[in-house]
Amino acid sequence: MTLKADLHLHTNYSPDSLITPEGLVARCLKIGINCIAVTDHNALDGALAVQSMAPFRVIAAEEIKTTEGEVIGFFLRERISPGLSPEETVRQIKTQGGLVGVPHPFDRLRREPLRQSALERVLPQIDIIEAFNARVTVGSDNARAAAFAAEHGLTCSAGSDAHSLLEVGRACVEMDDFETPQEFLESLRKGKIDGKCSSPLVHAISTWAKLRRRLGRR
């Protein structure tokens, strides 16, 4: 079976997303996305909630804020606390049998990318580089990520980085089905990335979501 996989998504378990788990499942079914990685910020419960209700493949993941930028742990069973060093974060991902991914590594307009020095230090432990992120504003930043992955022999991924339902599926990978994390990595390596960048205006959605949270609404 061929999968259409969006490998970077956020539910409202992230403070800057408006997507409910139920809404995410319905949206994926409507547009033909049949594999997702739910990568909430410093949280795993949203991924587990989606996993429990979706009739398609859901990878439980977490976008973790380290002391030097963000790292994604794929195939996690337990939440990893934010605020650890990149090295310790990577170690804890690997201890769970997970895969280490680096999201939007060269996005010049974000504050969260993993610092270049940290990227170089943990490079031997990295499994996946996000080569296409639909929320990247400057297209050449995605191209730089793809070139970096090719230079270092790393597997490329793609994701919408959706924080609203209309963003879901803006970037995805067409890939073969899998069972285990290693099978996923092999399938991803052979996959085909397809995607379009979202409007820069989508970042206003995240700001609105944070404001709603402060007002006590999820």
N, C-alpha and C. Protein backbone atom coordinates (compact mmCIF):
# COMPACT_ATOMS: atom_id res chain seq x y z
N MET A 1 0.84 -1.20 0.00
CA MET A 1 0.00 0.00 0.00
C MET A 1 0.88 1.25 0.00
N THR A 2 0.49 2.22 -0.79
CA THR A 2 1.20 3.49 -0.83
C THR A 2 0.60 4.46 0.18
N LEU A 3 1.47 5.08 0.94
CA LEU A 3 1.04 6.05 1.94
C LEU A 3 1.28 7.47 1.44
N LYS A 4 0.39 8.35 1.85
CA LYS A 4 0.58 9.78 1.65
C LYS A 4 0.74 10.37 3.05
N ALA A 5 1.99 10.65 3.42
CA ALA A 5 2.34 10.90 4.82
C ALA A 5 2.72 12.36 5.06
N ASP A 6 2.00 13.00 5.97
CA ASP A 6 2.33 14.33 6.46
C ASP A 6 3.01 14.13 7.81
N LEU A 7 4.29 14.45 7.88
CA LEU A 7 5.11 14.03 9.01
C LEU A 7 5.46 15.15 9.99
N HIS A 8 4.64 16.19 9.99
CA HIS A 8 4.83 17.27 10.98
C HIS A 8 3.49 17.99 11.13
N LEU A 9 2.78 17.68 12.22
CA LEU A 9 1.45 18.23 12.48
C LEU A 9 1.28 18.53 13.96
N HIS A 10 0.44 19.51 14.26
CA HIS A 10 0.19 19.88 15.66
C HIS A 10 -1.30 19.86 15.97
N THR A 11 -1.65 19.28 17.11
CA THR A 11 -3.02 19.38 17.61
C THR A 11 -3.08 20.50 18.66
N ASN A 12 -4.27 20.69 19.23
CA ASN A 12 -4.39 21.73 20.25
C ASN A 12 -3.79 21.34 21.59
N TYR A 13 -3.08 20.21 21.63
CA TYR A 13 -2.23 19.93 22.78
C TYR A 13 -0.96 20.77 22.70
N SER A 14 -0.69 21.35 21.54
CA SER A 14 0.31 22.40 21.40
C SER A 14 -0.39 23.73 21.66
N PRO A 15 0.23 24.64 22.38
CA PRO A 15 -0.45 25.90 22.74
C PRO A 15 -0.72 26.82 21.56
N ASP A 16 -0.11 26.54 20.39
CA ASP A 16 -0.26 27.43 19.24
C ASP A 16 -1.03 26.79 18.09
N SER A 17 -1.81 25.74 18.37
CA SER A 17 -2.57 25.06 17.32
C SER A 17 -4.06 25.08 17.63
N LEU A 18 -4.86 25.15 16.57
CA LEU A 18 -6.32 25.15 16.69
C LEU A 18 -6.93 23.79 16.34
N ILE A 19 -6.12 22.79 16.04
CA ILE A 19 -6.61 21.51 15.52
C ILE A 19 -6.93 20.55 16.65
N THR A 20 -8.19 20.10 16.72
CA THR A 20 -8.54 19.06 17.68
C THR A 20 -8.15 17.70 17.11
N PRO A 21 -7.91 16.71 17.96
CA PRO A 21 -7.63 15.37 17.44
C PRO A 21 -8.72 14.85 16.52
N GLU A 22 -9.98 15.06 16.90
CA GLU A 22 -11.10 14.61 16.07
C GLU A 22 -11.11 15.32 14.72
N GLY A 23 -10.86 16.62 14.75
CA GLY A 23 -10.82 17.38 13.51
C GLY A 23 -9.69 16.96 12.60
N LEU A 24 -8.55 16.63 13.19
CA LEU A 24 -7.41 16.19 12.40
C LEU A 24 -7.70 14.88 11.68
N VAL A 25 -8.30 13.92 12.38
CA VAL A 25 -8.63 12.64 11.77
C VAL A 25 -9.61 12.84 10.62
N ALA A 26 -10.64 13.66 10.85
CA ALA A 26 -11.64 13.90 9.81
C ALA A 26 -11.03 14.58 8.59
N ARG A 27 -10.15 15.53 8.83
CA ARG A 27 -9.51 16.25 7.71
C ARG A 27 -8.62 15.31 6.89
N CYS A 28 -7.86 14.47 7.56
CA CYS A 28 -7.00 13.53 6.84
C CYS A 28 -7.83 12.58 5.98
N LEU A 29 -8.93 12.08 6.52
CA LEU A 29 -9.79 11.18 5.76
C LEU A 29 -10.38 11.90 4.55
N LYS A 30 -10.71 13.16 4.70
CA LYS A 30 -11.31 13.92 3.61
C LYS A 30 -10.35 14.17 2.46
N ILE A 31 -9.08 14.43 2.76
CA ILE A 31 -8.13 14.80 1.71
C ILE A 31 -7.18 13.68 1.31
N GLY A 32 -7.34 12.50 1.90
CA GLY A 32 -6.56 11.35 1.47
C GLY A 32 -5.20 11.20 2.11
N ILE A 33 -4.98 11.83 3.25
CA ILE A 33 -3.75 11.61 4.01
C ILE A 33 -3.95 10.37 4.86
N ASN A 34 -3.11 9.36 4.67
CA ASN A 34 -3.31 8.09 5.40
C ASN A 34 -2.12 7.69 6.27
N CYS A 35 -1.27 8.67 6.57
CA CYS A 35 -0.18 8.47 7.53
C CYS A 35 0.23 9.85 8.03
N ILE A 36 0.32 10.00 9.34
CA ILE A 36 0.74 11.28 9.90
C ILE A 36 1.67 11.04 11.09
N ALA A 37 2.49 12.04 11.35
CA ALA A 37 3.24 12.10 12.60
C ALA A 37 2.73 13.32 13.35
N VAL A 38 2.15 13.09 14.51
CA VAL A 38 1.67 14.18 15.34
C VAL A 38 2.82 14.61 16.24
N THR A 39 3.26 15.86 16.06
CA THR A 39 4.51 16.33 16.66
C THR A 39 4.25 17.54 17.55
N ASP A 40 3.39 17.38 18.53
CA ASP A 40 3.06 18.52 19.38
C ASP A 40 4.28 19.03 20.14
N HIS A 41 4.23 20.32 20.47
CA HIS A 41 5.33 20.96 21.18
C HIS A 41 5.38 20.46 22.63
N ASN A 42 6.45 19.75 22.94
CA ASN A 42 6.70 19.31 24.32
C ASN A 42 5.52 18.54 24.91
N ALA A 43 4.83 17.80 24.09
CA ALA A 43 3.66 17.04 24.55
C ALA A 43 3.48 15.80 23.68
N LEU A 44 2.95 14.74 24.30
CA LEU A 44 2.71 13.49 23.58
C LEU A 44 1.24 13.06 23.64
N ASP A 45 0.47 13.63 24.54
CA ASP A 45 -0.91 13.18 24.73
C ASP A 45 -1.77 13.38 23.49
N GLY A 46 -1.55 14.47 22.75
CA GLY A 46 -2.32 14.70 21.54
C GLY A 46 -2.07 13.62 20.51
N ALA A 47 -0.81 13.24 20.36
CA ALA A 47 -0.46 12.17 19.42
C ALA A 47 -1.13 10.87 19.81
N LEU A 48 -1.12 10.56 21.11
CA LEU A 48 -1.72 9.32 21.57
C LEU A 48 -3.23 9.35 21.40
N ALA A 49 -3.84 10.53 21.57
CA ALA A 49 -5.29 10.65 21.36
C ALA A 49 -5.65 10.41 19.90
N VAL A 50 -4.89 11.00 18.98
CA VAL A 50 -5.15 10.78 17.56
C VAL A 50 -4.91 9.32 17.19
N GLN A 51 -3.86 8.76 17.73
CA GLN A 51 -3.52 7.36 17.45
C GLN A 51 -4.65 6.43 17.87
N SER A 52 -5.33 6.76 18.95
CA SER A 52 -6.38 5.89 19.48
C SER A 52 -7.65 5.90 18.64
N MET A 53 -7.83 6.94 17.81
CA MET A 53 -9.09 7.06 17.07
C MET A 53 -8.93 7.00 15.55
N ALA A 54 -7.72 7.11 15.04
CA ALA A 54 -7.54 7.16 13.59
C ALA A 54 -7.53 5.77 12.96
N PRO A 55 -8.17 5.60 11.79
CA PRO A 55 -8.14 4.32 11.09
C PRO A 55 -6.96 4.22 10.12
N PHE A 56 -5.97 5.07 10.31
CA PHE A 56 -4.77 5.06 9.47
C PHE A 56 -3.55 5.17 10.38
N ARG A 57 -2.36 5.11 9.78
CA ARG A 57 -1.13 5.10 10.57
C ARG A 57 -0.87 6.46 11.22
N VAL A 58 -0.63 6.42 12.52
CA VAL A 58 -0.29 7.63 13.27
C VAL A 58 0.98 7.35 14.06
N ILE A 59 2.01 8.14 13.80
CA ILE A 59 3.27 8.04 14.53
C ILE A 59 3.22 9.00 15.71
N ALA A 60 3.39 8.47 16.90
CA ALA A 60 3.43 9.32 18.09
C ALA A 60 4.81 9.98 18.17
N ALA A 61 4.80 11.30 18.10
CA ALA A 61 6.05 12.05 18.06
C ALA A 61 5.93 13.28 18.94
N GLU A 62 7.04 13.97 19.10
CA GLU A 62 7.07 15.17 19.94
C GLU A 62 8.14 16.12 19.40
N GLU A 63 7.76 17.37 19.24
CA GLU A 63 8.74 18.41 18.88
C GLU A 63 9.23 19.02 20.19
N ILE A 64 10.46 18.70 20.52
CA ILE A 64 10.99 18.96 21.85
C ILE A 64 11.91 20.18 21.82
N LYS A 65 11.66 21.11 22.72
CA LYS A 65 12.51 22.29 22.82
C LYS A 65 13.71 21.97 23.70
N THR A 66 14.88 21.90 23.11
CA THR A 66 16.11 21.69 23.87
C THR A 66 16.69 23.04 24.25
N THR A 67 17.82 23.03 24.92
CA THR A 67 18.48 24.28 25.29
C THR A 67 19.06 25.01 24.08
N GLU A 68 19.09 24.32 22.92
CA GLU A 68 19.69 24.93 21.73
C GLU A 68 18.82 24.75 20.49
N GLY A 69 17.52 24.69 20.69
CA GLY A 69 16.62 24.57 19.55
C GLY A 69 15.85 23.27 19.56
N GLU A 70 15.03 23.06 18.53
CA GLU A 70 14.06 21.96 18.53
C GLU A 70 14.57 20.70 17.84
N VAL A 71 14.13 19.59 18.40
CA VAL A 71 14.40 18.25 17.86
C VAL A 71 13.08 17.49 17.89
N ILE A 72 12.83 16.65 16.89
CA ILE A 72 11.65 15.81 16.89
C ILE A 72 12.05 14.37 17.22
N GLY A 73 11.32 13.79 18.15
CA GLY A 73 11.45 12.36 18.42
C GLY A 73 10.26 11.63 17.81
N PHE A 74 10.52 10.71 16.90
CA PHE A 74 9.47 9.91 16.27
C PHE A 74 9.40 8.54 16.96
N PHE A 75 8.20 7.96 17.00
CA PHE A 75 7.95 6.64 17.59
C PHE A 75 8.26 6.63 19.10
N LEU A 76 7.71 7.62 19.78
CA LEU A 76 7.90 7.71 21.22
C LEU A 76 6.78 7.00 21.96
N ARG A 77 7.12 6.52 23.15
CA ARG A 77 6.13 5.92 24.05
C ARG A 77 5.86 6.82 25.26
N GLU A 78 6.86 7.65 25.59
CA GLU A 78 6.73 8.54 26.74
C GLU A 78 7.21 9.94 26.36
N ARG A 79 6.60 10.93 26.98
CA ARG A 79 6.98 12.31 26.74
C ARG A 79 8.41 12.56 27.22
N ILE A 80 9.12 13.37 26.47
CA ILE A 80 10.46 13.81 26.86
C ILE A 80 10.38 15.27 27.29
N SER A 81 10.91 15.58 28.44
CA SER A 81 10.80 16.93 28.99
C SER A 81 11.60 17.93 28.16
N PRO A 82 11.08 19.14 28.01
CA PRO A 82 11.85 20.19 27.35
C PRO A 82 12.95 20.72 28.25
N GLY A 83 13.85 21.49 27.67
CA GLY A 83 14.88 22.16 28.46
C GLY A 83 16.14 21.36 28.70
N LEU A 84 16.21 20.17 28.09
CA LEU A 84 17.43 19.36 28.19
C LEU A 84 18.41 19.76 27.09
N SER A 85 19.65 19.34 27.22
CA SER A 85 20.62 19.59 26.16
C SER A 85 20.23 18.79 24.92
N PRO A 86 20.68 19.20 23.74
CA PRO A 86 20.41 18.40 22.55
C PRO A 86 20.91 16.97 22.70
N GLU A 87 22.08 16.80 23.29
CA GLU A 87 22.65 15.47 23.45
C GLU A 87 21.77 14.58 24.34
N GLU A 88 21.29 15.14 25.46
CA GLU A 88 20.45 14.35 26.36
C GLU A 88 19.09 14.07 25.73
N THR A 89 18.54 15.03 25.00
CA THR A 89 17.28 14.82 24.31
C THR A 89 17.39 13.69 23.30
N VAL A 90 18.44 13.72 22.52
CA VAL A 90 18.68 12.66 21.53
C VAL A 90 18.86 11.32 22.22
N ARG A 91 19.58 11.31 23.34
CA ARG A 91 19.80 10.06 24.06
C ARG A 91 18.48 9.46 24.53
N GLN A 92 17.59 10.32 25.04
CA GLN A 92 16.31 9.82 25.54
C GLN A 92 15.42 9.32 24.40
N ILE A 93 15.48 9.96 23.24
CA ILE A 93 14.73 9.46 22.08
C ILE A 93 15.22 8.07 21.71
N LYS A 94 16.51 7.92 21.64
CA LYS A 94 17.10 6.63 21.24
C LYS A 94 16.81 5.54 22.29
N THR A 95 16.78 5.92 23.56
CA THR A 95 16.49 4.96 24.62
C THR A 95 15.10 4.35 24.44
N GLN A 96 14.17 5.13 23.90
CA GLN A 96 12.82 4.64 23.65
C GLN A 96 12.71 3.86 22.33
N GLY A 97 13.82 3.74 21.62
CA GLY A 97 13.76 3.08 20.32
C GLY A 97 13.24 3.99 19.23
N GLY A 98 13.24 5.29 19.49
CA GLY A 98 12.72 6.26 18.53
C GLY A 98 13.76 6.71 17.51
N LEU A 99 13.27 7.53 16.59
CA LEU A 99 14.12 8.12 15.56
C LEU A 99 14.26 9.62 15.82
N VAL A 100 15.43 10.15 15.53
CA VAL A 100 15.73 11.56 15.77
C VAL A 100 15.58 12.34 14.47
N GLY A 101 14.73 13.37 14.52
CA GLY A 101 14.55 14.24 13.37
C GLY A 101 14.86 15.68 13.73
N VAL A 102 15.30 16.44 12.73
CA VAL A 102 15.56 17.87 12.92
C VAL A 102 14.60 18.66 12.04
N PRO A 103 13.66 19.39 12.66
CA PRO A 103 12.68 20.15 11.87
C PRO A 103 13.24 21.50 11.42
N HIS A 104 12.79 21.94 10.24
CA HIS A 104 13.13 23.26 9.68
C HIS A 104 14.52 23.74 10.12
N PRO A 105 15.58 22.99 9.77
CA PRO A 105 16.90 23.28 10.36
C PRO A 105 17.51 24.61 9.96
N PHE A 106 17.10 25.18 8.82
CA PHE A 106 17.75 26.41 8.35
C PHE A 106 16.76 27.55 8.13
N ASP A 107 15.62 27.48 8.80
CA ASP A 107 14.61 28.53 8.65
C ASP A 107 15.10 29.80 9.34
N ARG A 108 15.45 30.77 8.55
CA ARG A 108 16.08 31.98 9.09
C ARG A 108 15.10 32.89 9.85
N LEU A 109 13.80 32.66 9.69
CA LEU A 109 12.81 33.54 10.32
C LEU A 109 12.20 32.97 11.59
N ARG A 110 12.69 31.81 12.03
CA ARG A 110 12.20 31.22 13.28
C ARG A 110 13.26 31.33 14.36
N ARG A 111 12.79 31.29 15.59
CA ARG A 111 13.71 31.33 16.72
C ARG A 111 14.11 29.93 17.18
N GLU A 112 13.36 28.90 16.73
CA GLU A 112 13.52 27.58 17.33
C GLU A 112 14.45 26.60 16.62
N PRO A 113 14.93 26.85 15.39
CA PRO A 113 15.76 25.81 14.76
C PRO A 113 16.96 25.43 15.63
N LEU A 114 17.36 24.17 15.51
CA LEU A 114 18.53 23.70 16.25
C LEU A 114 19.75 24.49 15.80
N ARG A 115 20.48 25.00 16.76
CA ARG A 115 21.68 25.79 16.43
C ARG A 115 22.65 24.97 15.60
N GLN A 116 23.37 25.66 14.72
CA GLN A 116 24.31 24.99 13.84
C GLN A 116 25.34 24.19 14.63
N SER A 117 25.84 24.75 15.70
CA SER A 117 26.86 24.05 16.49
C SER A 117 26.28 22.78 17.10
N ALA A 118 25.03 22.84 17.58
CA ALA A 118 24.38 21.65 18.15
C ALA A 118 24.08 20.63 17.07
N LEU A 119 23.66 21.11 15.90
CA LEU A 119 23.39 20.21 14.78
C LEU A 119 24.63 19.40 14.43
N GLU A 120 25.77 20.06 14.44
CA GLU A 120 27.02 19.37 14.12
C GLU A 120 27.41 18.38 15.22
N ARG A 121 27.13 18.72 16.48
CA ARG A 121 27.51 17.84 17.57
C ARG A 121 26.70 16.54 17.59
N VAL A 122 25.40 16.64 17.28
CA VAL A 122 24.55 15.45 17.35
C VAL A 122 24.36 14.79 15.98
N LEU A 123 25.07 15.29 14.99
CA LEU A 123 24.91 14.78 13.62
C LEU A 123 24.99 13.26 13.52
N PRO A 124 25.92 12.59 14.20
CA PRO A 124 25.98 11.12 14.07
C PRO A 124 24.73 10.40 14.56
N GLN A 125 23.92 11.05 15.40
CA GLN A 125 22.72 10.43 15.96
C GLN A 125 21.44 10.81 15.21
N ILE A 126 21.54 11.69 14.24
CA ILE A 126 20.35 12.16 13.51
C ILE A 126 19.94 11.13 12.46
N ASP A 127 18.66 10.83 12.41
CA ASP A 127 18.12 9.91 11.42
C ASP A 127 17.46 10.64 10.26
N ILE A 128 16.82 11.77 10.55
CA ILE A 128 15.95 12.43 9.57
C ILE A 128 16.16 13.95 9.60
N ILE A 129 16.26 14.52 8.41
CA ILE A 129 16.26 15.98 8.26
C ILE A 129 14.97 16.37 7.54
N GLU A 130 14.26 17.34 8.09
CA GLU A 130 13.06 17.83 7.42
C GLU A 130 13.48 18.70 6.24
N ALA A 131 13.34 18.15 5.04
CA ALA A 131 13.80 18.83 3.84
C ALA A 131 12.75 19.75 3.24
N PHE A 132 11.49 19.55 3.63
CA PHE A 132 10.44 20.46 3.16
C PHE A 132 9.44 20.67 4.29
N ASN A 133 9.35 21.92 4.73
CA ASN A 133 8.39 22.34 5.76
C ASN A 133 7.53 23.42 5.12
N ALA A 134 6.22 23.19 5.07
CA ALA A 134 5.33 24.10 4.36
C ALA A 134 5.20 25.46 5.02
N ARG A 135 5.63 25.59 6.27
CA ARG A 135 5.57 26.89 6.95
C ARG A 135 6.87 27.69 6.81
N VAL A 136 7.84 27.16 6.11
CA VAL A 136 9.06 27.92 5.85
C VAL A 136 8.74 29.04 4.87
N THR A 137 9.11 30.26 5.21
CA THR A 137 8.74 31.42 4.40
C THR A 137 9.67 31.61 3.21
N VAL A 138 10.95 31.36 3.39
CA VAL A 138 11.94 31.54 2.32
C VAL A 138 12.26 30.16 1.75
N GLY A 139 11.86 29.93 0.49
CA GLY A 139 11.99 28.61 -0.12
C GLY A 139 13.40 28.06 -0.13
N SER A 140 14.38 28.94 -0.25
CA SER A 140 15.77 28.47 -0.30
C SER A 140 16.20 27.84 1.03
N ASP A 141 15.50 28.14 2.11
CA ASP A 141 15.83 27.51 3.40
C ASP A 141 15.48 26.03 3.37
N ASN A 142 14.37 25.66 2.71
CA ASN A 142 14.06 24.25 2.51
C ASN A 142 15.09 23.59 1.60
N ALA A 143 15.48 24.30 0.54
CA ALA A 143 16.48 23.76 -0.38
C ALA A 143 17.80 23.51 0.33
N ARG A 144 18.16 24.39 1.23
CA ARG A 144 19.41 24.21 1.99
C ARG A 144 19.32 22.97 2.87
N ALA A 145 18.14 22.73 3.47
CA ALA A 145 17.96 21.54 4.30
C ALA A 145 18.10 20.27 3.48
N ALA A 146 17.51 20.26 2.28
CA ALA A 146 17.62 19.10 1.40
C ALA A 146 19.06 18.86 0.99
N ALA A 147 19.79 19.93 0.70
CA ALA A 147 21.19 19.80 0.31
C ALA A 147 22.03 19.28 1.47
N PHE A 148 21.74 19.74 2.67
CA PHE A 148 22.46 19.28 3.86
C PHE A 148 22.23 17.78 4.07
N ALA A 149 20.99 17.34 3.91
CA ALA A 149 20.68 15.92 4.06
C ALA A 149 21.43 15.08 3.03
N ALA A 150 21.46 15.55 1.80
CA ALA A 150 22.16 14.83 0.74
C ALA A 150 23.66 14.77 1.02
N GLU A 151 24.22 15.86 1.49
CA GLU A 151 25.66 15.92 1.78
C GLU A 151 26.06 14.92 2.86
N HIS A 152 25.17 14.72 3.84
CA HIS A 152 25.51 13.88 4.99
C HIS A 152 24.83 12.51 4.94
N GLY A 153 24.18 12.20 3.84
CA GLY A 153 23.56 10.89 3.69
C GLY A 153 22.40 10.63 4.63
N LEU A 154 21.64 11.68 4.94
CA LEU A 154 20.52 11.57 5.86
C LEU A 154 19.20 11.47 5.11
N THR A 155 18.24 10.82 5.73
CA THR A 155 16.92 10.65 5.14
C THR A 155 16.13 11.95 5.25
N CYS A 156 15.40 12.27 4.18
CA CYS A 156 14.60 13.50 4.15
C CYS A 156 13.14 13.22 4.50
N SER A 157 12.52 14.16 5.20
CA SER A 157 11.09 14.09 5.46
C SER A 157 10.44 15.38 5.00
N ALA A 158 9.11 15.41 5.07
CA ALA A 158 8.34 16.61 4.72
C ALA A 158 7.10 16.67 5.57
N GLY A 159 6.66 17.88 5.88
CA GLY A 159 5.45 18.02 6.67
C GLY A 159 4.86 19.41 6.51
N SER A 160 3.57 19.48 6.74
CA SER A 160 2.87 20.76 6.62
C SER A 160 3.18 21.68 7.79
N ASP A 161 3.57 21.12 8.94
CA ASP A 161 3.72 21.89 10.18
C ASP A 161 2.39 22.56 10.52
N ALA A 162 1.29 21.87 10.21
CA ALA A 162 -0.04 22.46 10.32
C ALA A 162 -0.40 22.79 11.76
N HIS A 163 -0.96 24.00 11.91
CA HIS A 163 -1.55 24.43 13.17
C HIS A 163 -3.04 24.76 12.97
N SER A 164 -3.51 24.59 11.74
CA SER A 164 -4.92 24.78 11.40
C SER A 164 -5.29 23.71 10.37
N LEU A 165 -6.56 23.39 10.28
CA LEU A 165 -6.99 22.28 9.43
C LEU A 165 -6.69 22.51 7.95
N LEU A 166 -6.77 23.73 7.48
CA LEU A 166 -6.56 23.99 6.06
C LEU A 166 -5.09 23.77 5.65
N GLU A 167 -4.19 23.72 6.63
CA GLU A 167 -2.78 23.49 6.30
C GLU A 167 -2.44 22.01 6.16
N VAL A 168 -3.27 21.14 6.71
CA VAL A 168 -2.96 19.71 6.72
C VAL A 168 -2.77 19.21 5.29
N GLY A 169 -1.68 18.49 5.07
CA GLY A 169 -1.41 17.92 3.76
C GLY A 169 -0.72 18.85 2.78
N ARG A 170 -0.37 20.06 3.21
CA ARG A 170 0.32 20.98 2.30
C ARG A 170 1.68 20.43 1.87
N ALA A 171 2.27 19.59 2.69
CA ALA A 171 3.50 18.90 2.33
C ALA A 171 3.40 17.47 2.82
N CYS A 172 3.86 16.54 2.01
CA CYS A 172 3.77 15.14 2.39
C CYS A 172 4.82 14.32 1.63
N VAL A 173 4.93 13.07 2.02
CA VAL A 173 5.82 12.13 1.36
C VAL A 173 4.99 10.94 0.88
N GLU A 174 5.12 10.62 -0.40
CA GLU A 174 4.51 9.40 -0.92
C GLU A 174 5.51 8.27 -0.69
N MET A 175 5.10 7.26 0.08
CA MET A 175 6.03 6.23 0.51
C MET A 175 5.31 4.91 0.70
N ASP A 176 6.08 3.83 0.75
CA ASP A 176 5.51 2.51 0.99
C ASP A 176 5.14 2.34 2.45
N ASP A 177 4.24 1.42 2.71
CA ASP A 177 3.81 1.13 4.08
C ASP A 177 4.96 0.54 4.88
N PHE A 178 4.81 0.51 6.18
CA PHE A 178 5.87 0.06 7.08
C PHE A 178 5.24 -0.50 8.35
N GLU A 179 6.03 -1.18 9.14
CA GLU A 179 5.59 -1.68 10.45
C GLU A 179 6.44 -1.12 11.58
N THR A 180 7.74 -1.17 11.42
CA THR A 180 8.67 -0.79 12.49
C THR A 180 9.33 0.56 12.18
N PRO A 181 9.95 1.19 13.18
CA PRO A 181 10.68 2.43 12.92
C PRO A 181 11.75 2.28 11.83
N GLN A 182 12.47 1.17 11.83
CA GLN A 182 13.50 0.99 10.81
C GLN A 182 12.88 0.81 9.43
N GLU A 183 11.76 0.09 9.35
CA GLU A 183 11.07 -0.04 8.08
C GLU A 183 10.56 1.33 7.61
N PHE A 184 10.07 2.14 8.55
CA PHE A 184 9.64 3.50 8.23
C PHE A 184 10.80 4.29 7.63
N LEU A 185 11.96 4.20 8.25
CA LEU A 185 13.13 4.94 7.78
C LEU A 185 13.53 4.52 6.38
N GLU A 186 13.50 3.21 6.11
CA GLU A 186 13.84 2.72 4.78
C GLU A 186 12.82 3.18 3.75
N SER A 187 11.54 3.11 4.11
CA SER A 187 10.49 3.54 3.19
C SER A 187 10.58 5.04 2.94
N LEU A 188 10.84 5.80 3.98
CA LEU A 188 10.97 7.25 3.85
C LEU A 188 12.13 7.62 2.94
N ARG A 189 13.22 6.87 3.07
CA ARG A 189 14.40 7.14 2.25
C ARG A 189 14.10 7.01 0.76
N LYS A 190 13.20 6.12 0.42
CA LYS A 190 12.83 5.89 -0.98
C LYS A 190 11.62 6.71 -1.42
N GLY A 191 11.06 7.48 -0.50
CA GLY A 191 9.82 8.19 -0.78
C GLY A 191 10.01 9.42 -1.67
N LYS A 192 8.88 9.97 -2.08
CA LYS A 192 8.86 11.14 -2.96
C LYS A 192 8.17 12.28 -2.23
N ILE A 193 8.88 13.40 -2.08
CA ILE A 193 8.34 14.57 -1.39
C ILE A 193 7.51 15.40 -2.35
N ASP A 194 6.35 15.83 -1.87
CA ASP A 194 5.48 16.70 -2.65
C ASP A 194 4.94 17.77 -1.71
N GLY A 195 4.91 19.01 -2.17
CA GLY A 195 4.37 20.02 -1.27
C GLY A 195 4.41 21.42 -1.84
N LYS A 196 3.64 22.28 -1.20
CA LYS A 196 3.61 23.70 -1.51
C LYS A 196 3.70 24.47 -0.19
N CYS A 197 4.42 25.57 -0.23
CA CYS A 197 4.54 26.38 0.97
C CYS A 197 3.23 27.09 1.26
N SER A 198 2.88 27.16 2.53
CA SER A 198 1.69 27.90 2.95
C SER A 198 1.97 29.39 2.89
N SER A 199 0.90 30.16 2.90
CA SER A 199 1.04 31.61 2.98
C SER A 199 1.69 31.99 4.30
N PRO A 200 2.55 33.01 4.30
CA PRO A 200 3.12 33.47 5.57
C PRO A 200 2.06 33.88 6.58
N LEU A 201 0.86 34.16 6.11
CA LEU A 201 -0.22 34.58 7.01
C LEU A 201 -0.63 33.48 7.98
N VAL A 202 -0.28 32.22 7.68
CA VAL A 202 -0.68 31.14 8.59
C VAL A 202 -0.03 31.30 9.97
N HIS A 203 1.07 32.02 10.03
CA HIS A 203 1.71 32.22 11.33
C HIS A 203 0.83 33.04 12.27
N ALA A 204 -0.08 33.83 11.69
CA ALA A 204 -1.03 34.58 12.52
C ALA A 204 -1.99 33.63 13.24
N ILE A 205 -2.22 32.46 12.64
CA ILE A 205 -3.09 31.46 13.27
C ILE A 205 -2.50 31.01 14.60
N SER A 206 -1.19 30.81 14.60
CA SER A 206 -0.52 30.39 15.83
C SER A 206 -0.64 31.46 16.91
N THR A 207 -0.51 32.72 16.50
CA THR A 207 -0.65 33.82 17.46
C THR A 207 -2.06 33.84 18.03
N TRP A 208 -3.07 33.64 17.18
CA TRP A 208 -4.45 33.62 17.63
C TRP A 208 -4.69 32.44 18.58
N ALA A 209 -4.12 31.29 18.25
CA ALA A 209 -4.29 30.12 19.12
C ALA A 209 -3.70 30.39 20.50
N LYS A 210 -2.55 31.02 20.56
CA LYS A 210 -1.94 31.34 21.86
C LYS A 210 -2.81 32.31 22.65
N LEU A 211 -3.40 33.29 21.94
CA LEU A 211 -4.28 34.25 22.61
C LEU A 211 -5.51 33.55 23.17
N ARG A 212 -6.10 32.64 22.39
CA ARG A 212 -7.25 31.87 22.88
C ARG A 212 -6.89 31.08 24.14
N ARG A 213 -5.69 30.52 24.14
CA ARG A 213 -5.24 29.74 25.30
C ARG A 213 -5.15 30.63 26.54
N ARG A 214 -4.63 31.84 26.34
CA ARG A 214 -4.51 32.76 27.48
C ARG A 214 -5.87 33.16 28.01
N LEU A 215 -6.86 33.16 27.11
CA LEU A 215 -8.21 33.50 27.51
C LEU A 215 -8.98 32.30 28.07
N GLY A 216 -8.27 31.16 28.17
CA GLY A 216 -8.87 29.98 28.77
C GLY A 216 -9.64 29.11 27.82
N ARG A 217 -9.40 29.26 26.52
CA ARG A 217 -10.10 28.45 25.52
C ARG A 217 -9.09 27.61 24.76
N ARG A 218 -9.39 26.31 24.57
CA ARG A 218 -8.51 25.43 23.80
C ARG A 218 -9.03 25.37 22.38
